[in-house]
Amino acid sequence: MSAKNLTGHKRILQDHVVSLFNCVQDWKLCTSDCYSTVRSICLVKQKSIYDQDQNVTEEALSKKDFFNLESLSSELLQKLKKLEVVAEKMRQIPRKLENLRKSSYREQSCDENFHSELSKLSMIWFL
């Protein structure tokens, strides 16, 4: 049975699994982006400390480095906000799967009751 032909709970489950996979891919991308920004921040700070040790500048942090750090910090904040959105999507998936499980269980028990009642009725019909 191909994915196109799935219906009902099977289709919903497949959609949730695909959503989880996409979230994991987004998470990897976002964390990689955050890592590169944090690394850039560390390099700017490391350069600043090196310059201080070499007495290149009297200031603890040059204006250029300060603005660079400010820009990188803003960039990191935006990337972390994207990461929070992905994390929230991931947090919702277990709840959705639990609701699907409950719905599937209710449907299954209703089907069993229906078949049980149907078999009782069919027995009465033949009497």
PDB file of N, CA and C in Angstrom:
ATOM      1  N   MET A   1       0.856  -1.178   0.000  1.00  0.00           N
ATOM      2  CA  MET A   1       0.000   0.000   0.000  1.00  0.00           C
ATOM      3  C   MET A   1       0.897   1.234   0.000  1.00  0.00           C
ATOM      4  N   SER A   2       0.719   2.065  -0.956  1.00  0.00           N
ATOM      5  CA  SER A   2       1.556   3.260  -1.041  1.00  0.00           C
ATOM      6  C   SER A   2       1.047   4.333  -0.091  1.00  0.00           C
ATOM      7  N   ALA A   3       1.898   5.307   0.172  1.00  0.00           N
ATOM      8  CA  ALA A   3       1.554   6.388   1.095  1.00  0.00           C
ATOM      9  C   ALA A   3       0.369   7.202   0.592  1.00  0.00           C
ATOM     10  N   LYS A   4       0.206   7.272  -0.709  1.00  0.00           N
ATOM     11  CA  LYS A   4      -0.903   8.054  -1.271  1.00  0.00           C
ATOM     12  C   LYS A   4      -2.249   7.434  -0.935  1.00  0.00           C
ATOM     13  N   ASN A   5      -2.269   6.129  -0.744  1.00  0.00           N
ATOM     14  CA  ASN A   5      -3.521   5.433  -0.501  1.00  0.00           C
ATOM     15  C   ASN A   5      -3.884   5.342   0.976  1.00  0.00           C
ATOM     16  N   LEU A   6      -3.021   5.816   1.856  1.00  0.00           N
ATOM     17  CA  LEU A   6      -3.325   5.743   3.280  1.00  0.00           C
ATOM     18  C   LEU A   6      -4.480   6.674   3.619  1.00  0.00           C
ATOM     19  N   THR A   7      -5.339   6.200   4.510  1.00  0.00           N
ATOM     20  CA  THR A   7      -6.454   7.027   4.973  1.00  0.00           C
ATOM     21  C   THR A   7      -6.608   6.852   6.475  1.00  0.00           C
ATOM     22  N   GLY A   8      -7.392   7.707   7.061  1.00  0.00           N
ATOM     23  CA  GLY A   8      -7.723   7.581   8.475  1.00  0.00           C
ATOM     24  C   GLY A   8      -6.521   7.727   9.382  1.00  0.00           C
ATOM     25  N   HIS A   9      -6.494   6.861  10.401  1.00  0.00           N
ATOM     26  CA  HIS A   9      -5.443   6.942  11.415  1.00  0.00           C
ATOM     27  C   HIS A   9      -4.056   6.667  10.846  1.00  0.00           C
ATOM     28  N   LYS A  10      -3.983   5.775   9.876  1.00  0.00           N
ATOM     29  CA  LYS A  10      -2.677   5.476   9.276  1.00  0.00           C
ATOM     30  C   LYS A  10      -2.110   6.716   8.597  1.00  0.00           C
ATOM     31  N   ARG A  11      -2.961   7.447   7.923  1.00  0.00           N
ATOM     32  CA  ARG A  11      -2.513   8.670   7.240  1.00  0.00           C
ATOM     33  C   ARG A  11      -2.098   9.737   8.254  1.00  0.00           C
ATOM     34  N   ILE A  12      -2.897   9.884   9.310  1.00  0.00           N
ATOM     35  CA  ILE A  12      -2.572  10.866  10.352  1.00  0.00           C
ATOM     36  C   ILE A  12      -1.246  10.506  11.009  1.00  0.00           C
ATOM     37  N   LEU A  13      -1.046   9.217  11.293  1.00  0.00           N
ATOM     38  CA  LEU A  13       0.209   8.769  11.899  1.00  0.00           C
ATOM     39  C   LEU A  13       1.381   9.071  10.973  1.00  0.00           C
ATOM     40  N   GLN A  14       1.219   8.786   9.693  1.00  0.00           N
ATOM     41  CA  GLN A  14       2.290   9.070   8.738  1.00  0.00           C
ATOM     42  C   GLN A  14       2.596  10.572   8.715  1.00  0.00           C
ATOM     43  N   ASP A  15       1.560  11.390   8.741  1.00  0.00           N
ATOM     44  CA  ASP A  15       1.759  12.846   8.740  1.00  0.00           C
ATOM     45  C   ASP A  15       2.531  13.299   9.974  1.00  0.00           C
ATOM     46  N   HIS A  16       2.211  12.709  11.135  1.00  0.00           N
ATOM     47  CA  HIS A  16       2.924  13.071  12.367  1.00  0.00           C
ATOM     48  C   HIS A  16       4.390  12.631  12.310  1.00  0.00           C
ATOM     49  N   VAL A  17       4.633  11.467  11.755  1.00  0.00           N
ATOM     50  CA  VAL A  17       6.014  10.976  11.626  1.00  0.00           C
ATOM     51  C   VAL A  17       6.803  11.878  10.685  1.00  0.00           C
ATOM     52  N   VAL A  18       6.195  12.270   9.584  1.00  0.00           N
ATOM     53  CA  VAL A  18       6.856  13.186   8.641  1.00  0.00           C
ATOM     54  C   VAL A  18       7.124  14.526   9.319  1.00  0.00           C
ATOM     55  N   SER A  19       6.163  14.998  10.096  1.00  0.00           N
ATOM     56  CA  SER A  19       6.329  16.259  10.822  1.00  0.00           C
ATOM     57  C   SER A  19       7.493  16.165  11.806  1.00  0.00           C
ATOM     58  N   LEU A  20       7.580  15.038  12.518  1.00  0.00           N
ATOM     59  CA  LEU A  20       8.690  14.843  13.456  1.00  0.00           C
ATOM     60  C   LEU A  20      10.025  14.817  12.718  1.00  0.00           C
ATOM     61  N   PHE A  21      10.078  14.115  11.604  1.00  0.00           N
ATOM     62  CA  PHE A  21      11.305  14.059  10.807  1.00  0.00           C
ATOM     63  C   PHE A  21      11.722  15.464  10.366  1.00  0.00           C
ATOM     64  N   ASN A  22      10.756  16.242   9.876  1.00  0.00           N
ATOM     65  CA  ASN A  22      11.055  17.612   9.442  1.00  0.00           C
ATOM     66  C   ASN A  22      11.532  18.474  10.605  1.00  0.00           C
ATOM     67  N   CYS A  23      10.944  18.280  11.774  1.00  0.00           N
ATOM     68  CA  CYS A  23      11.379  19.033  12.956  1.00  0.00           C
ATOM     69  C   CYS A  23      12.821  18.683  13.327  1.00  0.00           C
ATOM     70  N   VAL A  24      13.150  17.409  13.248  1.00  0.00           N
ATOM     71  CA  VAL A  24      14.525  16.990  13.558  1.00  0.00           C
ATOM     72  C   VAL A  24      15.501  17.618  12.570  1.00  0.00           C
ATOM     73  N   GLN A  25      15.132  17.653  11.297  1.00  0.00           N
ATOM     74  CA  GLN A  25      15.996  18.280  10.294  1.00  0.00           C
ATOM     75  C   GLN A  25      16.141  19.780  10.556  1.00  0.00           C
ATOM     76  N   ASP A  26      15.026  20.435  10.893  1.00  0.00           N
ATOM     77  CA  ASP A  26      15.071  21.867  11.228  1.00  0.00           C
ATOM     78  C   ASP A  26      15.925  22.103  12.466  1.00  0.00           C
ATOM     79  N   TRP A  27      15.800  21.206  13.455  1.00  0.00           N
ATOM     80  CA  TRP A  27      16.578  21.315  14.694  1.00  0.00           C
ATOM     81  C   TRP A  27      18.074  21.236  14.383  1.00  0.00           C
ATOM     82  N   LYS A  28      18.448  20.278  13.552  1.00  0.00           N
ATOM     83  CA  LYS A  28      19.859  20.137  13.170  1.00  0.00           C
ATOM     84  C   LYS A  28      20.369  21.406  12.493  1.00  0.00           C
ATOM     85  N   LEU A  29      19.592  21.931  11.572  1.00  0.00           N
ATOM     86  CA  LEU A  29      19.985  23.139  10.847  1.00  0.00           C
ATOM     87  C   LEU A  29      20.104  24.331  11.798  1.00  0.00           C
ATOM     88  N   CYS A  30      19.110  24.508  12.653  1.00  0.00           N
ATOM     89  CA  CYS A  30      19.123  25.644  13.590  1.00  0.00           C
ATOM     90  C   CYS A  30      20.285  25.546  14.576  1.00  0.00           C
ATOM     91  N   THR A  31      20.524  24.351  15.118  1.00  0.00           N
ATOM     92  CA  THR A  31      21.623  24.219  16.076  1.00  0.00           C
ATOM     93  C   THR A  31      22.968  24.436  15.400  1.00  0.00           C
ATOM     94  N   SER A  32      23.080  24.001  14.158  1.00  0.00           N
ATOM     95  CA  SER A  32      24.314  24.237  13.413  1.00  0.00           C
ATOM     96  C   SER A  32      24.530  25.735  13.189  1.00  0.00           C
ATOM     97  N   ASP A  33      23.456  26.442  12.821  1.00  0.00           N
ATOM     98  CA  ASP A  33      23.540  27.898  12.644  1.00  0.00           C
ATOM     99  C   ASP A  33      23.906  28.587  13.956  1.00  0.00           C
ATOM    100  N   CYS A  34      23.272  28.145  15.044  1.00  0.00           N
ATOM    101  CA  CYS A  34      23.571  28.738  16.358  1.00  0.00           C
ATOM    102  C   CYS A  34      25.027  28.486  16.737  1.00  0.00           C
ATOM    103  N   TYR A  35      25.497  27.269  16.477  1.00  0.00           N
ATOM    104  CA  TYR A  35      26.880  26.938  16.784  1.00  0.00           C
ATOM    105  C   TYR A  35      27.840  27.858  16.036  1.00  0.00           C
ATOM    106  N   SER A  36      27.593  28.087  14.764  1.00  0.00           N
ATOM    107  CA  SER A  36      28.509  28.934  13.990  1.00  0.00           C
ATOM    108  C   SER A  36      28.498  30.370  14.509  1.00  0.00           C
ATOM    109  N   THR A  37      27.338  30.850  14.942  1.00  0.00           N
ATOM    110  CA  THR A  37      27.259  32.206  15.489  1.00  0.00           C
ATOM    111  C   THR A  37      27.979  32.289  16.831  1.00  0.00           C
ATOM    112  N   VAL A  38      27.773  31.294  17.690  1.00  0.00           N
ATOM    113  CA  VAL A  38      28.469  31.269  18.986  1.00  0.00           C
ATOM    114  C   VAL A  38      29.974  31.190  18.762  1.00  0.00           C
ATOM    115  N   ARG A  39      30.377  30.410  17.799  1.00  0.00           N
ATOM    116  CA  ARG A  39      31.808  30.301  17.472  1.00  0.00           C
ATOM    117  C   ARG A  39      32.359  31.660  17.029  1.00  0.00           C
ATOM    118  N   SER A  40      31.605  32.375  16.218  1.00  0.00           N
ATOM    119  CA  SER A  40      32.034  33.712  15.778  1.00  0.00           C
ATOM    120  C   SER A  40      32.150  34.670  16.960  1.00  0.00           C
ATOM    121  N   ILE A  41      31.198  34.587  17.874  1.00  0.00           N
ATOM    122  CA  ILE A  41      31.255  35.428  19.082  1.00  0.00           C
ATOM    123  C   ILE A  41      32.513  35.107  19.877  1.00  0.00           C
ATOM    124  N   CYS A  42      32.799  33.828  20.019  1.00  0.00           N
ATOM    125  CA  CYS A  42      34.000  33.416  20.758  1.00  0.00           C
ATOM    126  C   CYS A  42      35.280  33.905  20.080  1.00  0.00           C
ATOM    127  N   LEU A  43      35.303  33.858  18.767  1.00  0.00           N
ATOM    128  CA  LEU A  43      36.489  34.324  18.043  1.00  0.00           C
ATOM    129  C   LEU A  43      36.707  35.826  18.224  1.00  0.00           C
ATOM    130  N   VAL A  44      35.618  36.591  18.206  1.00  0.00           N
ATOM    131  CA  VAL A  44      35.739  38.040  18.424  1.00  0.00           C
ATOM    132  C   VAL A  44      36.264  38.299  19.834  1.00  0.00           C
ATOM    133  N   LYS A  45      35.710  37.593  20.794  1.00  0.00           N
ATOM    134  CA  LYS A  45      36.149  37.775  22.183  1.00  0.00           C
ATOM    135  C   LYS A  45      37.602  37.330  22.352  1.00  0.00           C
ATOM    136  N   GLN A  46      37.958  36.233  21.723  1.00  0.00           N
ATOM    137  CA  GLN A  46      39.337  35.741  21.792  1.00  0.00           C
ATOM    138  C   GLN A  46      40.304  36.760  21.186  1.00  0.00           C
ATOM    139  N   LYS A  47      39.931  37.349  20.068  1.00  0.00           N
ATOM    140  CA  LYS A  47      40.760  38.372  19.426  1.00  0.00           C
ATOM    141  C   LYS A  47      40.915  39.577  20.348  1.00  0.00           C
ATOM    142  N   SER A  48      39.824  39.945  20.992  1.00  0.00           N
ATOM    143  CA  SER A  48      39.862  41.077  21.911  1.00  0.00           C
ATOM    144  C   SER A  48      40.817  40.809  23.079  1.00  0.00           C
ATOM    145  N   ILE A  49      40.756  39.611  23.619  1.00  0.00           N
ATOM    146  CA  ILE A  49      41.653  39.247  24.727  1.00  0.00           C
ATOM    147  C   ILE A  49      43.100  39.227  24.252  1.00  0.00           C
ATOM    148  N   TYR A  50      43.330  38.699  23.067  1.00  0.00           N
ATOM    149  CA  TYR A  50      44.682  38.667  22.503  1.00  0.00           C
ATOM    150  C   TYR A  50      45.212  40.087  22.306  1.00  0.00           C
ATOM    151  N   ASP A  51      44.375  40.962  21.743  1.00  0.00           N
ATOM    152  CA  ASP A  51      44.785  42.357  21.541  1.00  0.00           C
ATOM    153  C   ASP A  51      45.115  43.031  22.862  1.00  0.00           C
ATOM    154  N   GLN A  52      44.336  42.717  23.875  1.00  0.00           N
ATOM    155  CA  GLN A  52      44.589  43.294  25.196  1.00  0.00           C
ATOM    156  C   GLN A  52      45.936  42.816  25.739  1.00  0.00           C
ATOM    157  N   ASP A  53      46.210  41.522  25.585  1.00  0.00           N
ATOM    158  CA  ASP A  53      47.475  40.964  26.057  1.00  0.00           C
ATOM    159  C   ASP A  53      48.669  41.552  25.308  1.00  0.00           C
ATOM    160  N   GLN A  54      48.468  41.883  24.037  1.00  0.00           N
ATOM    161  CA  GLN A  54      49.541  42.447  23.225  1.00  0.00           C
ATOM    162  C   GLN A  54      49.609  43.964  23.350  1.00  0.00           C
ATOM    163  N   ASN A  55      48.738  44.517  24.173  1.00  0.00           N
ATOM    164  CA  ASN A  55      48.653  45.970  24.371  1.00  0.00           C
ATOM    165  C   ASN A  55      48.428  46.721  23.060  1.00  0.00           C
ATOM    166  N   VAL A  56      47.709  46.081  22.141  1.00  0.00           N
ATOM    167  CA  VAL A  56      47.386  46.733  20.879  1.00  0.00           C
ATOM    168  C   VAL A  56      46.409  47.867  21.137  1.00  0.00           C
ATOM    169  N   THR A  57      45.443  47.607  21.991  1.00  0.00           N
ATOM    170  CA  THR A  57      44.477  48.647  22.345  1.00  0.00           C
ATOM    171  C   THR A  57      44.393  48.757  23.850  1.00  0.00           C
ATOM    172  N   GLU A  58      44.083  49.931  24.306  1.00  0.00           N
ATOM    173  CA  GLU A  58      43.918  50.154  25.741  1.00  0.00           C
ATOM    174  C   GLU A  58      42.531  49.715  26.201  1.00  0.00           C
ATOM    175  N   GLU A  59      41.591  49.779  25.296  1.00  0.00           N
ATOM    176  CA  GLU A  59      40.216  49.440  25.641  1.00  0.00           C
ATOM    177  C   GLU A  59      40.077  47.934  25.815  1.00  0.00           C
ATOM    178  N   ALA A  60      39.128  47.540  26.656  1.00  0.00           N
ATOM    179  CA  ALA A  60      38.859  46.119  26.839  1.00  0.00           C
ATOM    180  C   ALA A  60      38.272  45.520  25.561  1.00  0.00           C
ATOM    181  N   LEU A  61      37.508  46.343  24.858  1.00  0.00           N
ATOM    182  CA  LEU A  61      36.879  45.891  23.630  1.00  0.00           C
ATOM    183  C   LEU A  61      36.803  47.079  22.677  1.00  0.00           C
ATOM    184  N   SER A  62      37.372  46.918  21.496  1.00  0.00           N
ATOM    185  CA  SER A  62      37.343  48.025  20.537  1.00  0.00           C
ATOM    186  C   SER A  62      35.908  48.269  20.072  1.00  0.00           C
ATOM    187  N   LYS A  63      35.680  49.455  19.525  1.00  0.00           N
ATOM    188  CA  LYS A  63      34.332  49.781  19.037  1.00  0.00           C
ATOM    189  C   LYS A  63      33.907  48.821  17.932  1.00  0.00           C
ATOM    190  N   LYS A  64      34.846  48.505  17.071  1.00  0.00           N
ATOM    191  CA  LYS A  64      34.546  47.584  15.973  1.00  0.00           C
ATOM    192  C   LYS A  64      34.127  46.220  16.527  1.00  0.00           C
ATOM    193  N   ASP A  65      34.902  45.721  17.498  1.00  0.00           N
ATOM    194  CA  ASP A  65      34.568  44.431  18.106  1.00  0.00           C
ATOM    195  C   ASP A  65      33.240  44.496  18.851  1.00  0.00           C
ATOM    196  N   PHE A  66      32.993  45.616  19.516  1.00  0.00           N
ATOM    197  CA  PHE A  66      31.738  45.781  20.247  1.00  0.00           C
ATOM    198  C   PHE A  66      30.548  45.710  19.294  1.00  0.00           C
ATOM    199  N   PHE A  67      30.616  46.448  18.201  1.00  0.00           N
ATOM    200  CA  PHE A  67      29.518  46.428  17.232  1.00  0.00           C
ATOM    201  C   PHE A  67      29.375  45.051  16.576  1.00  0.00           C
ATOM    202  N   ASN A  68      30.508  44.408  16.358  1.00  0.00           N
ATOM    203  CA  ASN A  68      30.489  43.057  15.798  1.00  0.00           C
ATOM    204  C   ASN A  68      29.797  42.089  16.768  1.00  0.00           C
ATOM    205  N   LEU A  69      30.155  42.196  18.051  1.00  0.00           N
ATOM    206  CA  LEU A  69      29.518  41.344  19.058  1.00  0.00           C
ATOM    207  C   LEU A  69      28.027  41.648  19.187  1.00  0.00           C
ATOM    208  N   GLU A  70      27.691  42.913  19.109  1.00  0.00           N
ATOM    209  CA  GLU A  70      26.286  43.306  19.200  1.00  0.00           C
ATOM    210  C   GLU A  70      25.489  42.705  18.031  1.00  0.00           C
ATOM    211  N   SER A  71      26.058  42.778  16.855  1.00  0.00           N
ATOM    212  CA  SER A  71      25.410  42.216  15.667  1.00  0.00           C
ATOM    213  C   SER A  71      25.276  40.697  15.780  1.00  0.00           C
ATOM    214  N   LEU A  72      26.353  40.053  16.212  1.00  0.00           N
ATOM    215  CA  LEU A  72      26.322  38.598  16.357  1.00  0.00           C
ATOM    216  C   LEU A  72      25.337  38.166  17.443  1.00  0.00           C
ATOM    217  N   SER A  73      25.240  38.940  18.502  1.00  0.00           N
ATOM    218  CA  SER A  73      24.295  38.619  19.577  1.00  0.00           C
ATOM    219  C   SER A  73      22.855  38.719  19.087  1.00  0.00           C
ATOM    220  N   SER A  74      22.569  39.739  18.308  1.00  0.00           N
ATOM    221  CA  SER A  74      21.222  39.883  17.734  1.00  0.00           C
ATOM    222  C   SER A  74      20.914  38.728  16.782  1.00  0.00           C
ATOM    223  N   GLU A  75      21.907  38.378  16.003  1.00  0.00           N
ATOM    224  CA  GLU A  75      21.756  37.257  15.070  1.00  0.00           C
ATOM    225  C   GLU A  75      21.478  35.960  15.831  1.00  0.00           C
ATOM    226  N   LEU A  76      22.225  35.752  16.917  1.00  0.00           N
ATOM    227  CA  LEU A  76      22.037  34.551  17.732  1.00  0.00           C
ATOM    228  C   LEU A  76      20.641  34.528  18.353  1.00  0.00           C
ATOM    229  N   LEU A  77      20.182  35.671  18.809  1.00  0.00           N
ATOM    230  CA  LEU A  77      18.844  35.755  19.395  1.00  0.00           C
ATOM    231  C   LEU A  77      17.779  35.343  18.379  1.00  0.00           C
ATOM    232  N   GLN A  78      17.893  35.812  17.149  1.00  0.00           N
ATOM    233  CA  GLN A  78      16.929  35.445  16.104  1.00  0.00           C
ATOM    234  C   GLN A  78      16.973  33.941  15.814  1.00  0.00           C
ATOM    235  N   LYS A  79      18.169  33.392  15.789  1.00  0.00           N
ATOM    236  CA  LYS A  79      18.306  31.958  15.533  1.00  0.00           C
ATOM    237  C   LYS A  79      17.734  31.136  16.684  1.00  0.00           C
ATOM    238  N   LEU A  80      17.918  31.615  17.915  1.00  0.00           N
ATOM    239  CA  LEU A  80      17.363  30.912  19.071  1.00  0.00           C
ATOM    240  C   LEU A  80      15.839  30.966  19.077  1.00  0.00           C
ATOM    241  N   LYS A  81      15.280  32.064  18.592  1.00  0.00           N
ATOM    242  CA  LYS A  81      13.817  32.152  18.483  1.00  0.00           C
ATOM    243  C   LYS A  81      13.291  31.120  17.482  1.00  0.00           C
ATOM    244  N   LYS A  82      14.013  30.942  16.383  1.00  0.00           N
ATOM    245  CA  LYS A  82      13.624  29.914  15.406  1.00  0.00           C
ATOM    246  C   LYS A  82      13.712  28.527  16.038  1.00  0.00           C
ATOM    247  N   LEU A  83      14.749  28.332  16.848  1.00  0.00           N
ATOM    248  CA  LEU A  83      14.932  27.053  17.526  1.00  0.00           C
ATOM    249  C   LEU A  83      13.799  26.794  18.518  1.00  0.00           C
ATOM    250  N   GLU A  84      13.338  27.838  19.193  1.00  0.00           N
ATOM    251  CA  GLU A  84      12.206  27.700  20.115  1.00  0.00           C
ATOM    252  C   GLU A  84      10.940  27.284  19.372  1.00  0.00           C
ATOM    253  N   VAL A  85      10.733  27.832  18.185  1.00  0.00           N
ATOM    254  CA  VAL A  85       9.558  27.463  17.379  1.00  0.00           C
ATOM    255  C   VAL A  85       9.623  25.979  17.018  1.00  0.00           C
ATOM    256  N   VAL A  86      10.794  25.525  16.617  1.00  0.00           N
ATOM    257  CA  VAL A  86      10.970  24.112  16.269  1.00  0.00           C
ATOM    258  C   VAL A  86      10.744  23.241  17.505  1.00  0.00           C
ATOM    259  N   ALA A  87      11.291  23.667  18.642  1.00  0.00           N
ATOM    260  CA  ALA A  87      11.127  22.903  19.883  1.00  0.00           C
ATOM    261  C   ALA A  87       9.653  22.808  20.269  1.00  0.00           C
ATOM    262  N   GLU A  88       8.912  23.878  20.099  1.00  0.00           N
ATOM    263  CA  GLU A  88       7.481  23.861  20.424  1.00  0.00           C
ATOM    264  C   GLU A  88       6.728  22.899  19.509  1.00  0.00           C
ATOM    265  N   LYS A  89       7.084  22.882  18.236  1.00  0.00           N
ATOM    266  CA  LYS A  89       6.455  21.924  17.310  1.00  0.00           C
ATOM    267  C   LYS A  89       6.749  20.491  17.752  1.00  0.00           C
ATOM    268  N   MET A  90       7.988  20.257  18.187  1.00  0.00           N
ATOM    269  CA  MET A  90       8.373  18.918  18.629  1.00  0.00           C
ATOM    270  C   MET A  90       7.638  18.532  19.914  1.00  0.00           C
ATOM    271  N   ARG A  91       7.418  19.505  20.804  1.00  0.00           N
ATOM    272  CA  ARG A  91       6.697  19.232  22.051  1.00  0.00           C
ATOM    273  C   ARG A  91       5.246  18.833  21.790  1.00  0.00           C
ATOM    274  N   GLN A  92       4.667  19.318  20.710  1.00  0.00           N
ATOM    275  CA  GLN A  92       3.262  19.034  20.409  1.00  0.00           C
ATOM    276  C   GLN A  92       3.052  17.636  19.819  1.00  0.00           C
ATOM    277  N   ILE A  93       4.070  17.069  19.241  1.00  0.00           N
ATOM    278  CA  ILE A  93       3.918  15.787  18.552  1.00  0.00           C
ATOM    279  C   ILE A  93       3.512  14.656  19.499  1.00  0.00           C
ATOM    280  N   PRO A  94       4.140  14.493  20.684  1.00  0.00           N
ATOM    281  CA  PRO A  94       3.679  13.413  21.577  1.00  0.00           C
ATOM    282  C   PRO A  94       2.204  13.553  21.970  1.00  0.00           C
ATOM    283  N   ARG A  95       1.745  14.780  22.192  1.00  0.00           N
ATOM    284  CA  ARG A  95       0.336  15.001  22.531  1.00  0.00           C
ATOM    285  C   ARG A  95      -0.556  14.579  21.361  1.00  0.00           C
ATOM    286  N   LYS A  96      -0.144  14.938  20.159  1.00  0.00           N
ATOM    287  CA  LYS A  96      -0.924  14.557  18.974  1.00  0.00           C
ATOM    288  C   LYS A  96      -0.961  13.038  18.808  1.00  0.00           C
ATOM    289  N   LEU A  97       0.181  12.386  19.056  1.00  0.00           N
ATOM    290  CA  LEU A  97       0.224  10.928  18.947  1.00  0.00           C
ATOM    291  C   LEU A  97      -0.640  10.270  20.019  1.00  0.00           C
ATOM    292  N   GLU A  98      -0.628  10.836  21.223  1.00  0.00           N
ATOM    293  CA  GLU A  98      -1.464  10.305  22.303  1.00  0.00           C
ATOM    294  C   GLU A  98      -2.944  10.455  21.951  1.00  0.00           C
ATOM    295  N   ASN A  99      -3.322  11.606  21.411  1.00  0.00           N
ATOM    296  CA  ASN A  99      -4.713  11.805  20.987  1.00  0.00           C
ATOM    297  C   ASN A  99      -5.098  10.825  19.883  1.00  0.00           C
ATOM    298  N   LEU A 100      -4.181  10.575  18.981  1.00  0.00           N
ATOM    299  CA  LEU A 100      -4.434   9.612  17.909  1.00  0.00           C
ATOM    300  C   LEU A 100      -4.611   8.211  18.484  1.00  0.00           C
ATOM    301  N   ARG A 101      -3.764   7.861  19.449  1.00  0.00           N
ATOM    302  CA  ARG A 101      -3.870   6.541  20.090  1.00  0.00           C
ATOM    303  C   ARG A 101      -5.227   6.386  20.767  1.00  0.00           C
ATOM    304  N   LYS A 102      -5.642   7.414  21.512  1.00  0.00           N
ATOM    305  CA  LYS A 102      -6.937   7.363  22.202  1.00  0.00           C
ATOM    306  C   LYS A 102      -8.081   7.263  21.197  1.00  0.00           C
ATOM    307  N   SER A 103      -8.000   8.053  20.157  1.00  0.00           N
ATOM    308  CA  SER A 103      -9.039   8.031  19.130  1.00  0.00           C
ATOM    309  C   SER A 103      -9.109   6.665  18.455  1.00  0.00           C
ATOM    310  N   SER A 104      -7.958   6.111  18.171  1.00  0.00           N
ATOM    311  CA  SER A 104      -7.899   4.801  17.534  1.00  0.00           C
ATOM    312  C   SER A 104      -8.478   3.735  18.459  1.00  0.00           C
ATOM    313  N   TYR A 105      -8.157   3.831  19.749  1.00  0.00           N
ATOM    314  CA  TYR A 105      -8.672   2.871  20.724  1.00  0.00           C
ATOM    315  C   TYR A 105     -10.192   2.971  20.818  1.00  0.00           C
ATOM    316  N   ARG A 106     -10.709   4.217  20.889  1.00  0.00           N
ATOM    317  CA  ARG A 106     -12.166   4.404  20.962  1.00  0.00           C
ATOM    318  C   ARG A 106     -12.845   3.851  19.709  1.00  0.00           C
ATOM    319  N   GLU A 107     -12.262   4.137  18.571  1.00  0.00           N
ATOM    320  CA  GLU A 107     -12.838   3.650  17.316  1.00  0.00           C
ATOM    321  C   GLU A 107     -12.829   2.134  17.271  1.00  0.00           C
ATOM    322  N   GLN A 108     -11.737   1.559  17.740  1.00  0.00           N
ATOM    323  CA  GLN A 108     -11.611   0.110  17.731  1.00  0.00           C
ATOM    324  C   GLN A 108     -12.623  -0.520  18.686  1.00  0.00           C
ATOM    325  N   SER A 109     -12.782   0.063  19.883  1.00  0.00           N
ATOM    326  CA  SER A 109     -13.740  -0.499  20.833  1.00  0.00           C
ATOM    327  C   SER A 109     -15.165  -0.313  20.327  1.00  0.00           C
ATOM    328  N   CYS A 110     -15.435   0.798  19.650  1.00  0.00           N
ATOM    329  CA  CYS A 110     -16.765   1.004  19.052  1.00  0.00           C
ATOM    330  C   CYS A 110     -17.021  -0.034  17.971  1.00  0.00           C
ATOM    331  N   ASP A 111     -16.015  -0.312  17.170  1.00  0.00           N
ATOM    332  CA  ASP A 111     -16.157  -1.319  16.119  1.00  0.00           C
ATOM    333  C   ASP A 111     -16.437  -2.689  16.721  1.00  0.00           C
ATOM    334  N   GLU A 112     -15.729  -3.032  17.815  1.00  0.00           N
ATOM    335  CA  GLU A 112     -15.943  -4.319  18.469  1.00  0.00           C
ATOM    336  C   GLU A 112     -17.354  -4.394  19.032  1.00  0.00           C
ATOM    337  N   ASN A 113     -17.803  -3.306  19.681  1.00  0.00           N
ATOM    338  CA  ASN A 113     -19.164  -3.279  20.217  1.00  0.00           C
ATOM    339  C   ASN A 113     -20.185  -3.394  19.092  1.00  0.00           C
ATOM    340  N   PHE A 114     -19.919  -2.701  18.010  1.00  0.00           N
ATOM    341  CA  PHE A 114     -20.826  -2.754  16.861  1.00  0.00           C
ATOM    342  C   PHE A 114     -20.936  -4.182  16.328  1.00  0.00           C
ATOM    343  N   HIS A 115     -19.786  -4.835  16.163  1.00  0.00           N
ATOM    344  CA  HIS A 115     -19.801  -6.204  15.642  1.00  0.00           C
ATOM    345  C   HIS A 115     -20.458  -7.160  16.633  1.00  0.00           C
ATOM    346  N   SER A 116     -20.236  -6.925  17.916  1.00  0.00           N
ATOM    347  CA  SER A 116     -20.864  -7.751  18.944  1.00  0.00           C
ATOM    348  C   SER A 116     -22.382  -7.597  18.901  1.00  0.00           C
ATOM    349  N   GLU A 117     -22.833  -6.352  18.842  1.00  0.00           N
ATOM    350  CA  GLU A 117     -24.274  -6.089  18.771  1.00  0.00           C
ATOM    351  C   GLU A 117     -24.860  -6.626  17.469  1.00  0.00           C
ATOM    352  N   LEU A 118     -24.121  -6.474  16.404  1.00  0.00           N
ATOM    353  CA  LEU A 118     -24.587  -6.966  15.111  1.00  0.00           C
ATOM    354  C   LEU A 118     -24.743  -8.477  15.136  1.00  0.00           C
ATOM    355  N   SER A 119     -23.790  -9.157  15.751  1.00  0.00           N
ATOM    356  CA  SER A 119     -23.889 -10.618  15.812  1.00  0.00           C
ATOM    357  C   SER A 119     -25.063 -11.040  16.691  1.00  0.00           C
ATOM    358  N   LYS A 120     -25.330 -10.302  17.778  1.00  0.00           N
ATOM    359  CA  LYS A 120     -26.492 -10.600  18.621  1.00  0.00           C
ATOM    360  C   LYS A 120     -27.777 -10.408  17.824  1.00  0.00           C
ATOM    361  N   LEU A 121     -27.840  -9.299  17.090  1.00  0.00           N
ATOM    362  CA  LEU A 121     -29.033  -9.029  16.288  1.00  0.00           C
ATOM    363  C   LEU A 121     -29.230 -10.081  15.205  1.00  0.00           C
ATOM    364  N   SER A 122     -28.141 -10.510  14.623  1.00  0.00           N
ATOM    365  CA  SER A 122     -28.263 -11.516  13.570  1.00  0.00           C
ATOM    366  C   SER A 122     -28.744 -12.841  14.145  1.00  0.00           C
ATOM    367  N   MET A 123     -28.357 -13.133  15.396  1.00  0.00           N
ATOM    368  CA  MET A 123     -28.828 -14.361  16.039  1.00  0.00           C
ATOM    369  C   MET A 123     -30.325 -14.259  16.315  1.00  0.00           C
ATOM    370  N   ILE A 124     -30.787 -13.094  16.766  1.00  0.00           N
ATOM    371  CA  ILE A 124     -32.202 -12.884  17.042  1.00  0.00           C
ATOM    372  C   ILE A 124     -32.991 -12.964  15.740  1.00  0.00           C
ATOM    373  N   TRP A 125     -32.458 -12.426  14.696  1.00  0.00           N
ATOM    374  CA  TRP A 125     -33.134 -12.399  13.405  1.00  0.00           C
ATOM    375  C   TRP A 125     -33.445 -13.809  12.924  1.00  0.00           C
ATOM    376  N   PHE A 126     -32.497 -14.716  13.160  1.00  0.00           N
ATOM    377  CA  PHE A 126     -32.691 -16.082  12.683  1.00  0.00           C
ATOM    378  C   PHE A 126     -33.580 -16.904  13.593  1.00  0.00           C
ATOM    379  N   LEU A 127     -33.857 -16.445  14.802  1.00  0.00           N
ATOM    380  CA  LEU A 127     -34.722 -17.197  15.708  1.00  0.00           C
ATOM    381  C   LEU A 127     -36.114 -17.043  15.291  1.00  0.00           C
TER     382      LEU A 127
END
